[in-house]
Amino acid sequence: MRSVGLAVFLCLSILVGTVQLSFADRSSVSVSAPEAVAKGQEVVVRVTVTHSANSSLHYTQWLKVWANGKEIASFTYSGNQLPEGATFAKELKTRVTEDTEIKAEASCNIHGSKGPQAVKIIAR
């Protein structure tokens, strides 16, 4: 009788995990930064990653951030080293010496990315 209960529990666990994966989506990002700053000023850029899951089987695998096409930050995650949560944020500092486009993208280990998002900072 005990083994039947265990088998039912395992089947339900697999079913719930499968249903959770089927409702999952790709990792997405939002980027926030000042619209305009004085030339040479250091700014804080906040990148928020949103994903529907954060388990050892299904998680945001990486996050990358670029300033005018040059990578300024990269974070890699694994089933053993998960992100802080299904939704998490990173704050980065960068110096703005010219008009600068900040672009970020994150990717789910199973479903991929919803694509990059970007903001423009004007240097005055």
Protein backbone atom coordinates (compact mmCIF):
# COMPACT_ATOMS: atom_id res chain seq x y z
CA MET A 1 0.00 0.00 0.00
CA ARG A 2 2.84 2.33 0.83
CA SER A 3 4.47 1.86 -2.59
CA VAL A 4 1.16 2.71 -4.31
CA GLY A 5 1.00 5.96 -2.36
CA LEU A 6 4.58 6.74 -3.34
CA ALA A 7 3.84 5.96 -7.00
CA VAL A 8 0.79 8.26 -6.95
CA PHE A 9 2.84 11.01 -5.31
CA LEU A 10 5.58 10.71 -7.94
CA CYS A 11 3.06 10.74 -10.80
CA LEU A 12 1.36 13.83 -9.39
CA SER A 13 4.74 15.54 -8.92
CA ILE A 14 5.67 14.86 -12.53
CA LEU A 15 2.26 16.07 -13.72
CA VAL A 16 2.48 19.29 -11.72
CA GLY A 17 6.03 19.89 -12.99
CA THR A 18 4.91 19.30 -16.58
CA VAL A 19 1.95 21.64 -16.22
CA GLN A 20 4.22 24.28 -14.68
CA LEU A 21 6.62 24.00 -17.63
CA SER A 22 3.80 24.18 -20.17
CA PHE A 23 2.67 27.54 -18.75
CA ALA A 24 6.22 28.87 -18.63
CA ASP A 25 7.44 31.67 -20.83
CA ARG A 26 10.67 33.08 -22.13
CA SER A 27 12.82 35.35 -19.99
CA SER A 28 12.18 39.04 -20.50
CA VAL A 29 13.94 42.20 -19.31
CA SER A 30 13.11 45.80 -18.59
CA VAL A 31 15.78 48.48 -18.41
CA SER A 32 15.59 51.73 -16.48
CA ALA A 33 18.11 54.56 -16.49
CA PRO A 34 18.07 58.36 -16.46
CA GLU A 35 16.93 59.90 -19.74
CA ALA A 36 19.67 62.55 -19.70
CA VAL A 37 22.82 63.24 -17.68
CA ALA A 38 25.85 65.52 -17.77
CA LYS A 39 28.72 64.22 -19.91
CA GLY A 40 31.10 62.17 -17.81
CA GLN A 41 28.53 61.39 -15.13
CA GLU A 42 28.28 57.88 -13.69
CA VAL A 43 24.73 56.51 -13.78
CA VAL A 44 22.95 53.57 -12.25
CA VAL A 45 21.17 51.29 -14.70
CA ARG A 46 18.60 48.86 -13.32
CA VAL A 47 17.79 45.71 -15.29
CA THR A 48 14.84 43.63 -14.13
CA VAL A 49 14.49 40.07 -15.38
CA THR A 50 11.09 38.39 -15.34
CA HIS A 51 10.55 34.68 -15.83
CA SER A 52 7.76 32.34 -14.79
CA ALA A 53 9.95 29.73 -13.09
CA ASN A 54 13.10 29.41 -11.03
CA SER A 55 13.81 25.74 -10.40
CA SER A 56 16.78 23.48 -11.08
CA LEU A 57 15.05 22.32 -14.28
CA HIS A 58 13.74 25.64 -15.56
CA TYR A 59 15.35 29.04 -14.96
CA THR A 60 16.85 32.16 -16.50
CA GLN A 61 20.17 30.88 -17.84
CA TRP A 62 21.88 34.19 -18.62
CA LEU A 63 21.59 37.96 -18.56
CA LYS A 64 23.75 40.29 -20.65
CA VAL A 65 23.94 44.09 -20.70
CA TRP A 66 25.58 46.30 -23.34
CA ALA A 67 26.38 50.02 -23.57
CA ASN A 68 26.66 51.21 -27.19
CA GLY A 69 27.26 47.63 -28.30
CA LYS A 70 30.03 46.88 -25.77
CA GLU A 71 29.20 44.26 -23.15
CA ILE A 72 29.34 45.81 -19.68
CA ALA A 73 27.89 42.93 -17.63
CA SER A 74 27.13 39.26 -18.00
CA PHE A 75 25.56 36.83 -15.52
CA THR A 76 25.33 33.08 -16.06
CA TYR A 77 23.15 30.73 -14.03
CA SER A 78 22.69 26.96 -13.85
CA GLY A 79 20.42 24.41 -12.21
CA ASN A 80 22.90 24.35 -9.33
CA GLN A 81 23.34 28.14 -9.16
CA LEU A 82 19.94 29.73 -9.77
CA PRO A 83 19.14 33.43 -10.10
CA GLU A 84 17.89 35.19 -6.98
CA GLY A 85 14.27 34.53 -8.01
CA ALA A 86 11.91 34.13 -10.94
CA THR A 87 11.94 37.94 -11.01
CA PHE A 88 15.19 39.63 -10.03
CA ALA A 89 17.06 42.86 -10.66
CA LYS A 90 20.67 43.89 -11.17
CA GLU A 91 21.96 47.43 -10.74
CA LEU A 92 25.02 48.44 -12.74
CA LYS A 93 27.06 51.62 -12.87
CA THR A 94 28.40 53.05 -16.09
CA ARG A 95 29.95 56.38 -17.04
CA VAL A 96 28.18 58.29 -19.81
CA THR A 97 30.54 60.30 -22.02
CA GLU A 98 28.29 60.40 -25.09
CA ASP A 99 24.70 59.52 -25.97
CA THR A 100 24.47 55.92 -24.87
CA GLU A 101 22.12 53.07 -25.65
CA ILE A 102 21.83 50.54 -22.84
CA LYS A 103 20.55 47.20 -24.08
CA ALA A 104 19.85 44.06 -22.06
CA GLU A 105 18.65 40.55 -22.80
CA ALA A 106 18.01 37.43 -20.73
CA SER A 107 17.31 33.85 -21.79
CA CYS A 108 15.45 30.88 -20.30
CA ASN A 109 17.34 27.60 -20.39
CA ILE A 110 14.36 25.93 -22.16
CA HIS A 111 12.32 28.60 -23.98
CA GLY A 112 14.89 31.26 -24.84
CA SER A 113 14.50 35.03 -24.78
CA LYS A 114 11.66 37.45 -25.48
CA GLY A 115 14.37 39.60 -27.05
CA PRO A 116 16.47 42.58 -25.99
CA GLN A 117 15.14 45.81 -24.53
CA ALA A 118 16.96 49.13 -24.73
CA VAL A 119 16.91 52.67 -23.37
CA LYS A 120 18.77 55.73 -24.56
CA ILE A 121 20.66 58.08 -22.23
CA ILE A 122 21.40 61.53 -23.64
CA ALA A 123 24.71 63.11 -22.63
CA ARG A 124 24.45 66.90 -22.26
